[in-house]
Amino acid sequence: MLFIFFLVRKIIINSKTAFRLLLFVTVIIGDLRGVLENIYFL
C-alpha cells in the first residue's frame, strides 16, 4: 500500500517537472520566434 503511494507521488512529481519543462520550452520557442520576426522585419 505504501509502495503504491510513493509510486503515485513520484509520478505526480515527474509530471509536474515535465509540465514545467514543457512550459519553459514553449516560452523559449515563443521568444525565439519573436526575435526572428523582429530580425526579419528589420
Protein backbone atom coordinates (compact mmCIF):
# COMPACT_ATOMS: atom_id res chain seq x y z
CA MET A 1 0.00 0.00 0.00
CA LEU A 2 2.77 2.40 0.97
CA PHE A 3 4.73 1.46 -2.15
CA ILE A 4 1.77 2.42 -4.36
CA PHE A 5 1.51 5.76 -2.54
CA PHE A 6 5.19 6.52 -3.18
CA LEU A 7 4.87 5.44 -6.82
CA VAL A 8 1.88 7.74 -7.36
CA ARG A 9 3.67 10.62 -5.63
CA LYS A 10 6.74 10.08 -7.82
CA ILE A 11 4.61 10.10 -10.98
CA ILE A 12 2.89 13.32 -9.88
CA ILE A 13 6.24 15.00 -9.16
CA ASN A 14 7.62 13.84 -12.52
CA SER A 15 4.56 15.08 -14.39
CA LYS A 16 4.89 18.48 -12.66
CA THR A 17 8.54 18.64 -13.74
CA ALA A 18 7.61 17.61 -17.28
CA PHE A 19 4.87 20.28 -17.34
CA ARG A 20 7.33 22.97 -16.18
CA LEU A 21 9.86 21.82 -18.78
CA LEU A 22 7.19 21.94 -21.50
CA LEU A 23 6.14 25.43 -20.38
CA PHE A 24 9.79 26.55 -20.32
CA VAL A 25 10.40 25.19 -23.84
CA THR A 26 7.21 26.83 -25.10
CA VAL A 27 8.29 30.20 -23.68
CA ILE A 28 11.77 29.87 -25.22
CA ILE A 29 10.32 28.92 -28.62
CA GLY A 30 7.89 31.85 -28.40
CA ASP A 31 10.76 34.24 -27.57
CA LEU A 32 12.89 32.87 -30.41
CA ARG A 33 10.01 33.28 -32.86
CA GLY A 34 9.50 36.86 -31.68
CA VAL A 35 13.22 37.63 -32.07
CA LEU A 36 13.36 36.01 -35.52
CA GLU A 37 10.29 38.00 -36.62
CA ASN A 38 11.91 41.23 -35.40
CA ILE A 39 15.14 40.42 -37.27
CA TYR A 40 13.14 39.51 -40.37
CA PHE A 41 11.25 42.82 -40.30
CA LEU A 42 14.48 44.76 -39.74
